[in-house]
Structure formats: structure tokens, C-alpha cells
Amino acid sequence: MSSRTRNILFTACVILAVFALIYHLIGIFYKINDSPVWRHALFIFINIICVYGLLKKPGWFTWFFGILLLQQWYSHGSYIGWYWKNEHRIDWISVAVVLLMPAVFMLLLSEKRSRVTTDSS
């Protein structure tokens, strides 16, 4: 994958992280789901870290994002099943999170691999 393509994809990821940050910010002032206010506040902080990490790509961020990916699979993966079983509907936000986060993680790994290759040349 070219550097230009990776930069475009990282920009799209930053935009998605900003949307998630705004969603959780709204969740502090208005009840948008069943999550408590403290959880929205926590994810505002996490989304700020993600925006920073996706822009600057520090070495630690890939592992931070990997742990977040596992937490989101558990959390949003559970929501998918719960909503379908109890409300007979699809939670599209959870579906998007479960599908997109692994792609972002793979993009981060690709960037890390690219930096190692470039540094050793």
C-alpha cells in the first residue's frame, strides 16, 4: 500500500474518531443510549487519544488501539446480539465498530511495518 493511500485512510479514521468523540460528548448532555455519563466521559478521553494516535502514530498507540479493539469487540459485539435478540433490530453503530476497528488496527500495523522497513534501509 502506498504512503499516499495510507495517509488518506488515516485521515478517514481521524474523521471517524472525531465523530465518535462528538457522539460521546453529546451523550454527556443528552440521553442517547443506556450508557452512564461516566462512560461517555471515559470514551471522550479515549477518542482524544485515538485522534492524537492516528495523527501522530506513536509506537505505543498500535498496542493501545489493539487493547481498545478487544474491548470494543466485547462491548459492541454483545450489543449486536442483545439488540437482535431483544428488540429484533440491528445496531448499525456496533456493526460498524466491529467491522471497521480491525481494519484500522491492520492499517496501524502496516504503518508500523512500513516505518521499520524505511528506518532499516
PDB file of N, CA and C in Angstrom:
ATOM      1  N   MET A   1       0.851  -1.169   0.000  1.00  0.00           N
ATOM      2  CA  MET A   1       0.000   0.000   0.000  1.00  0.00           C
ATOM      3  C   MET A   1       0.900   1.237   0.000  1.00  0.00           C
ATOM      4  N   SER A   2       0.555   2.185  -0.827  1.00  0.00           N
ATOM      5  CA  SER A   2       1.378   3.388  -0.933  1.00  0.00           C
ATOM      6  C   SER A   2       1.195   4.285   0.286  1.00  0.00           C
ATOM      7  N   SER A   3       2.172   5.127   0.499  1.00  0.00           N
ATOM      8  CA  SER A   3       2.131   6.080   1.605  1.00  0.00           C
ATOM      9  C   SER A   3       0.942   7.030   1.450  1.00  0.00           C
ATOM     10  N   ARG A   4       0.671   7.433   0.234  1.00  0.00           N
ATOM     11  CA  ARG A   4      -0.464   8.336  -0.035  1.00  0.00           C
ATOM     12  C   ARG A   4      -1.785   7.675   0.335  1.00  0.00           C
ATOM     13  N   THR A   5      -1.947   6.423  -0.039  1.00  0.00           N
ATOM     14  CA  THR A   5      -3.174   5.691   0.281  1.00  0.00           C
ATOM     15  C   THR A   5      -3.333   5.565   1.787  1.00  0.00           C
ATOM     16  N   ARG A   6      -2.234   5.218   2.482  1.00  0.00           N
ATOM     17  CA  ARG A   6      -2.286   5.115   3.947  1.00  0.00           C
ATOM     18  C   ARG A   6      -2.667   6.451   4.575  1.00  0.00           C
ATOM     19  N   ASN A   7      -2.115   7.548   4.065  1.00  0.00           N
ATOM     20  CA  ASN A   7      -2.451   8.873   4.607  1.00  0.00           C
ATOM     21  C   ASN A   7      -3.928   9.199   4.426  1.00  0.00           C
ATOM     22  N   ILE A   8      -4.486   8.857   3.285  1.00  0.00           N
ATOM     23  CA  ILE A   8      -5.918   9.084   3.035  1.00  0.00           C
ATOM     24  C   ILE A   8      -6.749   8.254   4.009  1.00  0.00           C
ATOM     25  N   LEU A   9      -6.365   6.996   4.195  1.00  0.00           N
ATOM     26  CA  LEU A   9      -7.102   6.120   5.107  1.00  0.00           C
ATOM     27  C   LEU A   9      -6.988   6.606   6.557  1.00  0.00           C
ATOM     28  N   PHE A  10      -5.805   7.059   6.958  1.00  0.00           N
ATOM     29  CA  PHE A  10      -5.645   7.591   8.316  1.00  0.00           C
ATOM     30  C   PHE A  10      -6.492   8.854   8.507  1.00  0.00           C
ATOM     31  N   THR A  11      -6.582   9.687   7.497  1.00  0.00           N
ATOM     32  CA  THR A  11      -7.430  10.883   7.581  1.00  0.00           C
ATOM     33  C   THR A  11      -8.888  10.486   7.780  1.00  0.00           C
ATOM     34  N   ALA A  12      -9.345   9.488   7.046  1.00  0.00           N
ATOM     35  CA  ALA A  12     -10.720   8.995   7.212  1.00  0.00           C
ATOM     36  C   ALA A  12     -10.925   8.450   8.630  1.00  0.00           C
ATOM     37  N   CYS A  13      -9.921   7.761   9.161  1.00  0.00           N
ATOM     38  CA  CYS A  13     -10.007   7.216  10.519  1.00  0.00           C
ATOM     39  C   CYS A  13     -10.080   8.333  11.552  1.00  0.00           C
ATOM     40  N   VAL A  14      -9.311   9.389  11.351  1.00  0.00           N
ATOM     41  CA  VAL A  14      -9.352  10.530  12.266  1.00  0.00           C
ATOM     42  C   VAL A  14     -10.750  11.142  12.250  1.00  0.00           C
ATOM     43  N   ILE A  15     -11.333  11.287  11.086  1.00  0.00           N
ATOM     44  CA  ILE A  15     -12.684  11.853  10.972  1.00  0.00           C
ATOM     45  C   ILE A  15     -13.684  10.980  11.731  1.00  0.00           C
ATOM     46  N   LEU A  16     -13.581   9.655  11.585  1.00  0.00           N
ATOM     47  CA  LEU A  16     -14.476   8.746  12.313  1.00  0.00           C
ATOM     48  C   LEU A  16     -14.268   8.867  13.823  1.00  0.00           C
ATOM     49  N   ALA A  17     -13.021   8.993  14.261  1.00  0.00           N
ATOM     50  CA  ALA A  17     -12.738   9.147  15.694  1.00  0.00           C
ATOM     51  C   ALA A  17     -13.321  10.454  16.225  1.00  0.00           C
ATOM     52  N   VAL A  18     -13.261  11.511  15.422  1.00  0.00           N
ATOM     53  CA  VAL A  18     -13.856  12.791  15.825  1.00  0.00           C
ATOM     54  C   VAL A  18     -15.375  12.653  15.932  1.00  0.00           C
ATOM     55  N   PHE A  19     -15.997  11.944  15.002  1.00  0.00           N
ATOM     56  CA  PHE A  19     -17.444  11.703  15.091  1.00  0.00           C
ATOM     57  C   PHE A  19     -17.793  10.925  16.359  1.00  0.00           C
ATOM     58  N   ALA A  20     -16.982   9.919  16.697  1.00  0.00           N
ATOM     59  CA  ALA A  20     -17.214   9.151  17.922  1.00  0.00           C
ATOM     60  C   ALA A  20     -17.064  10.050  19.146  1.00  0.00           C
ATOM     61  N   LEU A  21     -16.067  10.936  19.119  1.00  0.00           N
ATOM     62  CA  LEU A  21     -15.865  11.877  20.210  1.00  0.00           C
ATOM     63  C   LEU A  21     -17.090  12.786  20.370  1.00  0.00           C
ATOM     64  N   ILE A  22     -17.601  13.296  19.262  1.00  0.00           N
ATOM     65  CA  ILE A  22     -18.781  14.167  19.300  1.00  0.00           C
ATOM     66  C   ILE A  22     -19.994  13.401  19.826  1.00  0.00           C
ATOM     67  N   TYR A  23     -20.162  12.148  19.386  1.00  0.00           N
ATOM     68  CA  TYR A  23     -21.263  11.303  19.857  1.00  0.00           C
ATOM     69  C   TYR A  23     -21.213  11.178  21.383  1.00  0.00           C
ATOM     70  N   HIS A  24     -20.023  10.886  21.920  1.00  0.00           N
ATOM     71  CA  HIS A  24     -19.904  10.725  23.367  1.00  0.00           C
ATOM     72  C   HIS A  24     -20.036  12.058  24.096  1.00  0.00           C
ATOM     73  N   LEU A  25     -19.600  13.137  23.481  1.00  0.00           N
ATOM     74  CA  LEU A  25     -19.790  14.462  24.071  1.00  0.00           C
ATOM     75  C   LEU A  25     -21.286  14.773  24.189  1.00  0.00           C
ATOM     76  N   ILE A  26     -22.040  14.490  23.154  1.00  0.00           N
ATOM     77  CA  ILE A  26     -23.496  14.675  23.196  1.00  0.00           C
ATOM     78  C   ILE A  26     -24.094  13.806  24.296  1.00  0.00           C
ATOM     79  N   GLY A  27     -23.553  12.581  24.456  1.00  0.00           N
ATOM     80  CA  GLY A  27     -24.057  11.657  25.465  1.00  0.00           C
ATOM     81  C   GLY A  27     -23.906  12.158  26.889  1.00  0.00           C
ATOM     82  N   ILE A  28     -23.032  13.109  27.115  1.00  0.00           N
ATOM     83  CA  ILE A  28     -22.901  13.696  28.451  1.00  0.00           C
ATOM     84  C   ILE A  28     -24.085  14.614  28.754  1.00  0.00           C
ATOM     85  N   PHE A  29     -24.595  15.292  27.738  1.00  0.00           N
ATOM     86  CA  PHE A  29     -25.655  16.287  27.948  1.00  0.00           C
ATOM     87  C   PHE A  29     -27.060  15.786  27.631  1.00  0.00           C
ATOM     88  N   TYR A  30     -27.161  14.758  26.784  1.00  0.00           N
ATOM     89  CA  TYR A  30     -28.459  14.208  26.391  1.00  0.00           C
ATOM     90  C   TYR A  30     -28.392  12.690  26.459  1.00  0.00           C
ATOM     91  N   LYS A  31     -29.473  12.079  26.878  1.00  0.00           N
ATOM     92  CA  LYS A  31     -29.506  10.614  26.950  1.00  0.00           C
ATOM     93  C   LYS A  31     -29.679  10.068  25.529  1.00  0.00           C
ATOM     94  N   ILE A  32     -28.602   9.513  24.977  1.00  0.00           N
ATOM     95  CA  ILE A  32     -28.655   8.981  23.616  1.00  0.00           C
ATOM     96  C   ILE A  32     -28.638   7.459  23.597  1.00  0.00           C
ATOM     97  N   ASN A  33     -28.282   6.864  24.748  1.00  0.00           N
ATOM     98  CA  ASN A  33     -28.328   5.409  24.883  1.00  0.00           C
ATOM     99  C   ASN A  33     -28.339   5.082  26.372  1.00  0.00           C
ATOM    100  N   ASP A  34     -28.171   3.819  26.698  1.00  0.00           N
ATOM    101  CA  ASP A  34     -28.239   3.403  28.109  1.00  0.00           C
ATOM    102  C   ASP A  34     -26.927   3.567  28.867  1.00  0.00           C
ATOM    103  N   SER A  35     -25.877   4.035  28.203  1.00  0.00           N
ATOM    104  CA  SER A  35     -24.583   4.197  28.869  1.00  0.00           C
ATOM    105  C   SER A  35     -24.634   5.335  29.879  1.00  0.00           C
ATOM    106  N   PRO A  36     -23.997   5.135  31.037  1.00  0.00           N
ATOM    107  CA  PRO A  36     -23.952   6.222  32.023  1.00  0.00           C
ATOM    108  C   PRO A  36     -23.039   7.355  31.549  1.00  0.00           C
ATOM    109  N   VAL A  37     -23.219   8.512  32.142  1.00  0.00           N
ATOM    110  CA  VAL A  37     -22.447   9.696  31.764  1.00  0.00           C
ATOM    111  C   VAL A  37     -20.946   9.441  31.927  1.00  0.00           C
ATOM    112  N   TRP A  38     -20.541   8.740  32.980  1.00  0.00           N
ATOM    113  CA  TRP A  38     -19.110   8.499  33.209  1.00  0.00           C
ATOM    114  C   TRP A  38     -18.496   7.708  32.052  1.00  0.00           C
ATOM    115  N   ARG A  39     -19.300   6.809  31.449  1.00  0.00           N
ATOM    116  CA  ARG A  39     -18.772   6.014  30.334  1.00  0.00           C
ATOM    117  C   ARG A  39     -18.559   6.891  29.096  1.00  0.00           C
ATOM    118  N   HIS A  40     -19.508   7.805  28.869  1.00  0.00           N
ATOM    119  CA  HIS A  40     -19.326   8.748  27.758  1.00  0.00           C
ATOM    120  C   HIS A  40     -18.088   9.610  27.991  1.00  0.00           C
ATOM    121  N   ALA A  41     -17.890  10.056  29.231  1.00  0.00           N
ATOM    122  CA  ALA A  41     -16.709  10.874  29.558  1.00  0.00           C
ATOM    123  C   ALA A  41     -15.422  10.079  29.325  1.00  0.00           C
ATOM    124  N   LEU A  42     -15.411   8.828  29.734  1.00  0.00           N
ATOM    125  CA  LEU A  42     -14.245   7.981  29.514  1.00  0.00           C
ATOM    126  C   LEU A  42     -13.936   7.844  28.028  1.00  0.00           C
ATOM    127  N   PHE A  43     -14.981   7.646  27.224  1.00  0.00           N
ATOM    128  CA  PHE A  43     -14.746   7.472  25.791  1.00  0.00           C
ATOM    129  C   PHE A  43     -14.432   8.784  25.075  1.00  0.00           C
ATOM    130  N   ILE A  44     -14.778   9.914  25.653  1.00  0.00           N
ATOM    131  CA  ILE A  44     -14.290  11.187  25.110  1.00  0.00           C
ATOM    132  C   ILE A  44     -12.769  11.207  25.238  1.00  0.00           C
ATOM    133  N   PHE A  45     -12.271  10.841  26.411  1.00  0.00           N
ATOM    134  CA  PHE A  45     -10.823  10.788  26.648  1.00  0.00           C
ATOM    135  C   PHE A  45     -10.167   9.773  25.701  1.00  0.00           C
ATOM    136  N   ILE A  46     -10.758   8.603  25.567  1.00  0.00           N
ATOM    137  CA  ILE A  46     -10.211   7.568  24.680  1.00  0.00           C
ATOM    138  C   ILE A  46     -10.207   8.051  23.234  1.00  0.00           C
ATOM    139  N   ASN A  47     -11.281   8.713  22.806  1.00  0.00           N
ATOM    140  CA  ASN A  47     -11.330   9.221  21.433  1.00  0.00           C
ATOM    141  C   ASN A  47     -10.303  10.322  21.188  1.00  0.00           C
ATOM    142  N   ILE A  48     -10.023  11.127  22.192  1.00  0.00           N
ATOM    143  CA  ILE A  48      -8.969  12.137  22.056  1.00  0.00           C
ATOM    144  C   ILE A  48      -7.621  11.442  21.853  1.00  0.00           C
ATOM    145  N   ILE A  49      -7.370  10.396  22.630  1.00  0.00           N
ATOM    146  CA  ILE A  49      -6.135   9.615  22.443  1.00  0.00           C
ATOM    147  C   ILE A  49      -6.092   9.029  21.037  1.00  0.00           C
ATOM    148  N   CYS A  50      -7.235   8.534  20.554  1.00  0.00           N
ATOM    149  CA  CYS A  50      -7.274   7.947  19.206  1.00  0.00           C
ATOM    150  C   CYS A  50      -7.000   8.989  18.127  1.00  0.00           C
ATOM    151  N   VAL A  51      -7.574  10.166  18.252  1.00  0.00           N
ATOM    152  CA  VAL A  51      -7.315  11.216  17.265  1.00  0.00           C
ATOM    153  C   VAL A  51      -5.820  11.539  17.261  1.00  0.00           C
ATOM    154  N   TYR A  52      -5.248  11.748  18.451  1.00  0.00           N
ATOM    155  CA  TYR A  52      -3.812  12.016  18.549  1.00  0.00           C
ATOM    156  C   TYR A  52      -3.006  10.861  17.944  1.00  0.00           C
ATOM    157  N   GLY A  53      -3.324   9.645  18.339  1.00  0.00           N
ATOM    158  CA  GLY A  53      -2.579   8.480  17.876  1.00  0.00           C
ATOM    159  C   GLY A  53      -2.664   8.267  16.379  1.00  0.00           C
ATOM    160  N   LEU A  54      -3.829   8.496  15.823  1.00  0.00           N
ATOM    161  CA  LEU A  54      -3.993   8.321  14.376  1.00  0.00           C
ATOM    162  C   LEU A  54      -3.291   9.424  13.584  1.00  0.00           C
ATOM    163  N   LEU A  55      -3.157  10.592  14.189  1.00  0.00           N
ATOM    164  CA  LEU A  55      -2.441  11.679  13.518  1.00  0.00           C
ATOM    165  C   LEU A  55      -0.921  11.534  13.657  1.00  0.00           C
ATOM    166  N   LYS A  56      -0.446  11.269  14.865  1.00  0.00           N
ATOM    167  CA  LYS A  56       0.999  11.241  15.144  1.00  0.00           C
ATOM    168  C   LYS A  56       1.616   9.848  15.024  1.00  0.00           C
ATOM    169  N   LYS A  57       0.805   8.813  15.218  1.00  0.00           N
ATOM    170  CA  LYS A  57       1.240   7.413  15.111  1.00  0.00           C
ATOM    171  C   LYS A  57       2.448   7.076  15.993  1.00  0.00           C
ATOM    172  N   PRO A  58       2.388   7.402  17.290  1.00  0.00           N
ATOM    173  CA  PRO A  58       3.487   6.994  18.169  1.00  0.00           C
ATOM    174  C   PRO A  58       3.515   5.470  18.301  1.00  0.00           C
ATOM    175  N   GLY A  59       4.661   4.919  18.605  1.00  0.00           N
ATOM    176  CA  GLY A  59       4.809   3.471  18.652  1.00  0.00           C
ATOM    177  C   GLY A  59       3.861   2.778  19.612  1.00  0.00           C
ATOM    178  N   TRP A  60       3.592   3.361  20.770  1.00  0.00           N
ATOM    179  CA  TRP A  60       2.717   2.761  21.773  1.00  0.00           C
ATOM    180  C   TRP A  60       1.260   2.689  21.326  1.00  0.00           C
ATOM    181  N   PHE A  61       0.880   3.546  20.387  1.00  0.00           N
ATOM    182  CA  PHE A  61      -0.535   3.657  20.042  1.00  0.00           C
ATOM    183  C   PHE A  61      -1.093   2.384  19.405  1.00  0.00           C
ATOM    184  N   THR A  62      -0.294   1.684  18.635  1.00  0.00           N
ATOM    185  CA  THR A  62      -0.779   0.454  17.999  1.00  0.00           C
ATOM    186  C   THR A  62      -1.261  -0.522  19.063  1.00  0.00           C
ATOM    187  N   TRP A  63      -0.519  -0.653  20.155  1.00  0.00           N
ATOM    188  CA  TRP A  63      -0.894  -1.596  21.216  1.00  0.00           C
ATOM    189  C   TRP A  63      -2.074  -1.072  22.013  1.00  0.00           C
ATOM    190  N   PHE A  64      -2.125   0.234  22.251  1.00  0.00           N
ATOM    191  CA  PHE A  64      -3.300   0.842  22.890  1.00  0.00           C
ATOM    192  C   PHE A  64      -4.548   0.535  22.063  1.00  0.00           C
ATOM    193  N   PHE A  65      -4.438   0.741  20.761  1.00  0.00           N
ATOM    194  CA  PHE A  65      -5.583   0.517  19.876  1.00  0.00           C
ATOM    195  C   PHE A  65      -5.960  -0.970  19.847  1.00  0.00           C
ATOM    196  N   GLY A  66      -4.971  -1.850  19.903  1.00  0.00           N
ATOM    197  CA  GLY A  66      -5.253  -3.287  19.928  1.00  0.00           C
ATOM    198  C   GLY A  66      -6.064  -3.686  21.154  1.00  0.00           C
ATOM    199  N   ILE A  67      -5.716  -3.125  22.304  1.00  0.00           N
ATOM    200  CA  ILE A  67      -6.480  -3.399  23.533  1.00  0.00           C
ATOM    201  C   ILE A  67      -7.881  -2.809  23.420  1.00  0.00           C
ATOM    202  N   LEU A  68      -7.974  -1.592  22.881  1.00  0.00           N
ATOM    203  CA  LEU A  68      -9.286  -0.975  22.657  1.00  0.00           C
ATOM    204  C   LEU A  68     -10.120  -1.820  21.701  1.00  0.00           C
ATOM    205  N   LEU A  69      -9.500  -2.355  20.675  1.00  0.00           N
ATOM    206  CA  LEU A  69     -10.196  -3.220  19.722  1.00  0.00           C
ATOM    207  C   LEU A  69     -10.833  -4.406  20.442  1.00  0.00           C
ATOM    208  N   LEU A  70     -10.090  -5.062  21.309  1.00  0.00           N
ATOM    209  CA  LEU A  70     -10.647  -6.205  22.049  1.00  0.00           C
ATOM    210  C   LEU A  70     -11.826  -5.779  22.922  1.00  0.00           C
ATOM    211  N   GLN A  71     -11.696  -4.639  23.599  1.00  0.00           N
ATOM    212  CA  GLN A  71     -12.785  -4.146  24.446  1.00  0.00           C
ATOM    213  C   GLN A  71     -14.021  -3.827  23.608  1.00  0.00           C
ATOM    214  N   GLN A  72     -13.811  -3.223  22.446  1.00  0.00           N
ATOM    215  CA  GLN A  72     -14.933  -2.858  21.584  1.00  0.00           C
ATOM    216  C   GLN A  72     -15.606  -4.091  20.978  1.00  0.00           C
ATOM    217  N   TRP A  73     -14.806  -5.095  20.628  1.00  0.00           N
ATOM    218  CA  TRP A  73     -15.405  -6.346  20.145  1.00  0.00           C
ATOM    219  C   TRP A  73     -16.325  -6.927  21.206  1.00  0.00           C
ATOM    220  N   TYR A  74     -15.841  -6.935  22.455  1.00  0.00           N
ATOM    221  CA  TYR A  74     -16.656  -7.476  23.545  1.00  0.00           C
ATOM    222  C   TYR A  74     -17.914  -6.628  23.733  1.00  0.00           C
ATOM    223  N   SER A  75     -17.727  -5.325  23.865  1.00  0.00           N
ATOM    224  CA  SER A  75     -18.834  -4.417  24.155  1.00  0.00           C
ATOM    225  C   SER A  75     -19.830  -4.332  22.997  1.00  0.00           C
ATOM    226  N   HIS A  76     -19.360  -3.909  21.843  1.00  0.00           N
ATOM    227  CA  HIS A  76     -20.263  -3.743  20.702  1.00  0.00           C
ATOM    228  C   HIS A  76     -20.725  -5.082  20.142  1.00  0.00           C
ATOM    229  N   GLY A  77     -19.880  -6.102  20.235  1.00  0.00           N
ATOM    230  CA  GLY A  77     -20.310  -7.439  19.816  1.00  0.00           C
ATOM    231  C   GLY A  77     -21.467  -7.928  20.662  1.00  0.00           C
ATOM    232  N   SER A  78     -21.419  -7.647  21.969  1.00  0.00           N
ATOM    233  CA  SER A  78     -22.527  -8.001  22.866  1.00  0.00           C
ATOM    234  C   SER A  78     -23.783  -7.214  22.516  1.00  0.00           C
ATOM    235  N   TYR A  79     -23.621  -5.924  22.197  1.00  0.00           N
ATOM    236  CA  TYR A  79     -24.774  -5.100  21.822  1.00  0.00           C
ATOM    237  C   TYR A  79     -25.472  -5.652  20.588  1.00  0.00           C
ATOM    238  N   ILE A  80     -24.685  -6.097  19.623  1.00  0.00           N
ATOM    239  CA  ILE A  80     -25.275  -6.637  18.391  1.00  0.00           C
ATOM    240  C   ILE A  80     -26.213  -7.779  18.735  1.00  0.00           C
ATOM    241  N   GLY A  81     -25.717  -8.717  19.538  1.00  0.00           N
ATOM    242  CA  GLY A  81     -26.542  -9.861  19.922  1.00  0.00           C
ATOM    243  C   GLY A  81     -27.745  -9.467  20.761  1.00  0.00           C
ATOM    244  N   TRP A  82     -27.552  -8.562  21.715  1.00  0.00           N
ATOM    245  CA  TRP A  82     -28.637  -8.152  22.599  1.00  0.00           C
ATOM    246  C   TRP A  82     -29.752  -7.464  21.825  1.00  0.00           C
ATOM    247  N   TYR A  83     -29.385  -6.505  20.979  1.00  0.00           N
ATOM    248  CA  TYR A  83     -30.405  -5.778  20.222  1.00  0.00           C
ATOM    249  C   TYR A  83     -31.184  -6.702  19.291  1.00  0.00           C
ATOM    250  N   TRP A  84     -30.479  -7.621  18.674  1.00  0.00           N
ATOM    251  CA  TRP A  84     -31.169  -8.536  17.760  1.00  0.00           C
ATOM    252  C   TRP A  84     -32.114  -9.458  18.539  1.00  0.00           C
ATOM    253  N   LYS A  85     -31.647  -9.985  19.657  1.00  0.00           N
ATOM    254  CA  LYS A  85     -32.453 -10.923  20.454  1.00  0.00           C
ATOM    255  C   LYS A  85     -33.646 -10.233  21.108  1.00  0.00           C
ATOM    256  N   ASN A  86     -33.427  -9.050  21.669  1.00  0.00           N
ATOM    257  CA  ASN A  86     -34.469  -8.391  22.470  1.00  0.00           C
ATOM    258  C   ASN A  86     -35.321  -7.388  21.706  1.00  0.00           C
ATOM    259  N   GLU A  87     -34.761  -6.740  20.717  1.00  0.00           N
ATOM    260  CA  GLU A  87     -35.512  -5.705  20.002  1.00  0.00           C
ATOM    261  C   GLU A  87     -35.703  -6.022  18.525  1.00  0.00           C
ATOM    262  N   HIS A  88     -35.145  -7.130  18.070  1.00  0.00           N
ATOM    263  CA  HIS A  88     -35.261  -7.571  16.672  1.00  0.00           C
ATOM    264  C   HIS A  88     -34.856  -6.467  15.693  1.00  0.00           C
ATOM    265  N   ARG A  89     -33.752  -5.831  16.027  1.00  0.00           N
ATOM    266  CA  ARG A  89     -33.201  -4.810  15.135  1.00  0.00           C
ATOM    267  C   ARG A  89     -31.686  -4.908  15.142  1.00  0.00           C
ATOM    268  N   ILE A  90     -31.096  -4.269  14.174  1.00  0.00           N
ATOM    269  CA  ILE A  90     -29.648  -4.280  14.042  1.00  0.00           C
ATOM    270  C   ILE A  90     -29.090  -2.977  14.595  1.00  0.00           C
ATOM    271  N   ASP A  91     -28.107  -3.084  15.463  1.00  0.00           N
ATOM    272  CA  ASP A  91     -27.413  -1.916  15.992  1.00  0.00           C
ATOM    273  C   ASP A  91     -26.269  -1.590  15.024  1.00  0.00           C
ATOM    274  N   TRP A  92     -26.542  -0.706  14.072  1.00  0.00           N
ATOM    275  CA  TRP A  92     -25.605  -0.434  12.988  1.00  0.00           C
ATOM    276  C   TRP A  92     -24.296   0.191  13.472  1.00  0.00           C
ATOM    277  N   ILE A  93     -24.363   0.989  14.523  1.00  0.00           N
ATOM    278  CA  ILE A  93     -23.125   1.566  15.053  1.00  0.00           C
ATOM    279  C   ILE A  93     -22.211   0.451  15.532  1.00  0.00           C
ATOM    280  N   SER A  94     -22.775  -0.512  16.250  1.00  0.00           N
ATOM    281  CA  SER A  94     -21.965  -1.638  16.733  1.00  0.00           C
ATOM    282  C   SER A  94     -21.424  -2.474  15.586  1.00  0.00           C
ATOM    283  N   VAL A  95     -22.234  -2.700  14.571  1.00  0.00           N
ATOM    284  CA  VAL A  95     -21.764  -3.452  13.402  1.00  0.00           C
ATOM    285  C   VAL A  95     -20.583  -2.723  12.762  1.00  0.00           C
ATOM    286  N   ALA A  96     -20.707  -1.401  12.607  1.00  0.00           N
ATOM    287  CA  ALA A  96     -19.619  -0.617  12.008  1.00  0.00           C
ATOM    288  C   ALA A  96     -18.354  -0.694  12.859  1.00  0.00           C
ATOM    289  N   VAL A  97     -18.503  -0.587  14.174  1.00  0.00           N
ATOM    290  CA  VAL A  97     -17.340  -0.644  15.064  1.00  0.00           C
ATOM    291  C   VAL A  97     -16.656  -2.007  14.965  1.00  0.00           C
ATOM    292  N   VAL A  98     -17.451  -3.072  15.024  1.00  0.00           N
ATOM    293  CA  VAL A  98     -16.892  -4.430  14.980  1.00  0.00           C
ATOM    294  C   VAL A  98     -16.183  -4.705  13.652  1.00  0.00           C
ATOM    295  N   LEU A  99     -16.673  -4.128  12.567  1.00  0.00           N
ATOM    296  CA  LEU A  99     -16.062  -4.361  11.251  1.00  0.00           C
ATOM    297  C   LEU A  99     -14.902  -3.411  10.941  1.00  0.00           C
ATOM    298  N   LEU A 100     -15.022  -2.160  11.350  1.00  0.00           N
ATOM    299  CA  LEU A 100     -14.011  -1.166  10.981  1.00  0.00           C
ATOM    300  C   LEU A 100     -12.768  -1.174  11.868  1.00  0.00           C
ATOM    301  N   MET A 101     -12.946  -1.449  13.151  1.00  0.00           N
ATOM    302  CA  MET A 101     -11.788  -1.375  14.045  1.00  0.00           C
ATOM    303  C   MET A 101     -10.677  -2.360  13.687  1.00  0.00           C
ATOM    304  N   PRO A 102     -10.977  -3.592  13.285  1.00  0.00           N
ATOM    305  CA  PRO A 102      -9.877  -4.472  12.855  1.00  0.00           C
ATOM    306  C   PRO A 102      -9.139  -3.929  11.631  1.00  0.00           C
ATOM    307  N   ALA A 103      -9.883  -3.282  10.723  1.00  0.00           N
ATOM    308  CA  ALA A 103      -9.241  -2.694   9.542  1.00  0.00           C
ATOM    309  C   ALA A 103      -8.302  -1.565   9.950  1.00  0.00           C
ATOM    310  N   VAL A 104      -8.714  -0.758  10.915  1.00  0.00           N
ATOM    311  CA  VAL A 104      -7.853   0.329  11.397  1.00  0.00           C
ATOM    312  C   VAL A 104      -6.615  -0.261  12.080  1.00  0.00           C
ATOM    313  N   PHE A 105      -6.807  -1.312  12.862  1.00  0.00           N
ATOM    314  CA  PHE A 105      -5.669  -1.959  13.522  1.00  0.00           C
ATOM    315  C   PHE A 105      -4.683  -2.498  12.485  1.00  0.00           C
ATOM    316  N   MET A 106      -5.200  -3.116  11.437  1.00  0.00           N
ATOM    317  CA  MET A 106      -4.331  -3.622  10.374  1.00  0.00           C
ATOM    318  C   MET A 106      -3.595  -2.463   9.687  1.00  0.00           C
ATOM    319  N   LEU A 107      -4.265  -1.342   9.515  1.00  0.00           N
ATOM    320  CA  LEU A 107      -3.633  -0.156   8.932  1.00  0.00           C
ATOM    321  C   LEU A 107      -2.496   0.339   9.834  1.00  0.00           C
ATOM    322  N   LEU A 108      -2.730   0.346  11.145  1.00  0.00           N
ATOM    323  CA  LEU A 108      -1.674   0.742  12.079  1.00  0.00           C
ATOM    324  C   LEU A 108      -0.490  -0.221  12.019  1.00  0.00           C
ATOM    325  N   LEU A 109      -0.768  -1.511  11.938  1.00  0.00           N
ATOM    326  CA  LEU A 109       0.312  -2.490  11.824  1.00  0.00           C
ATOM    327  C   LEU A 109       1.089  -2.295  10.521  1.00  0.00           C
ATOM    328  N   SER A 110       0.370  -1.989   9.449  1.00  0.00           N
ATOM    329  CA  SER A 110       1.008  -1.741   8.161  1.00  0.00           C
ATOM    330  C   SER A 110       1.912  -0.512   8.234  1.00  0.00           C
ATOM    331  N   GLU A 111       1.436   0.521   8.899  1.00  0.00           N
ATOM    332  CA  GLU A 111       2.237   1.742   9.078  1.00  0.00           C
ATOM    333  C   GLU A 111       3.481   1.444   9.905  1.00  0.00           C
ATOM    334  N   LYS A 112       3.319   0.673  10.962  1.00  0.00           N
ATOM    335  CA  LYS A 112       4.449   0.309  11.824  1.00  0.00           C
ATOM    336  C   LYS A 112       5.484  -0.489  11.024  1.00  0.00           C
ATOM    337  N   ARG A 113       5.008  -1.447  10.232  1.00  0.00           N
ATOM    338  CA  ARG A 113       5.893  -2.269   9.394  1.00  0.00           C
ATOM    339  C   ARG A 113       6.603  -1.395   8.366  1.00  0.00           C
ATOM    340  N   SER A 114       5.881  -0.454   7.785  1.00  0.00           N
ATOM    341  CA  SER A 114       6.455   0.452   6.796  1.00  0.00           C
ATOM    342  C   SER A 114       7.560   1.309   7.414  1.00  0.00           C
ATOM    343  N   ARG A 115       7.356   1.789   8.638  1.00  0.00           N
ATOM    344  CA  ARG A 115       8.362   2.599   9.317  1.00  0.00           C
ATOM    345  C   ARG A 115       9.607   1.783   9.622  1.00  0.00           C
ATOM    346  N   VAL A 116       9.429   0.532  10.045  1.00  0.00           N
ATOM    347  CA  VAL A 116      10.576  -0.333  10.352  1.00  0.00           C
ATOM    348  C   VAL A 116      11.372  -0.579   9.090  1.00  0.00           C
ATOM    349  N   THR A 117      10.691  -0.854   7.969  1.00  0.00           N
ATOM    350  CA  THR A 117      11.357  -1.100   6.693  1.00  0.00           C
ATOM    351  C   THR A 117      12.111   0.143   6.233  1.00  0.00           C
ATOM    352  N   THR A 118      11.481   1.312   6.353  1.00  0.00           N
ATOM    353  CA  THR A 118      12.101   2.566   5.933  1.00  0.00           C
ATOM    354  C   THR A 118      13.299   2.902   6.816  1.00  0.00           C
ATOM    355  N   ASP A 119      13.148   2.695   8.126  1.00  0.00           N
ATOM    356  CA  ASP A 119      14.247   3.010   9.054  1.00  0.00           C
ATOM    357  C   ASP A 119      15.459   2.109   8.838  1.00  0.00           C
ATOM    358  N   SER A 120      15.246   0.861   8.438  1.00  0.00           N
ATOM    359  CA  SER A 120      16.361  -0.074   8.284  1.00  0.00           C
ATOM    360  C   SER A 120      17.012   0.033   6.904  1.00  0.00           C
ATOM    361  N   SER A 121      16.420   0.809   6.009  1.00  0.00           N
ATOM    362  CA  SER A 121      17.011   0.966   4.662  1.00  0.00           C
ATOM    363  C   SER A 121      18.163   1.924   4.640  1.00  0.00           C
TER     364      SER A 121
END
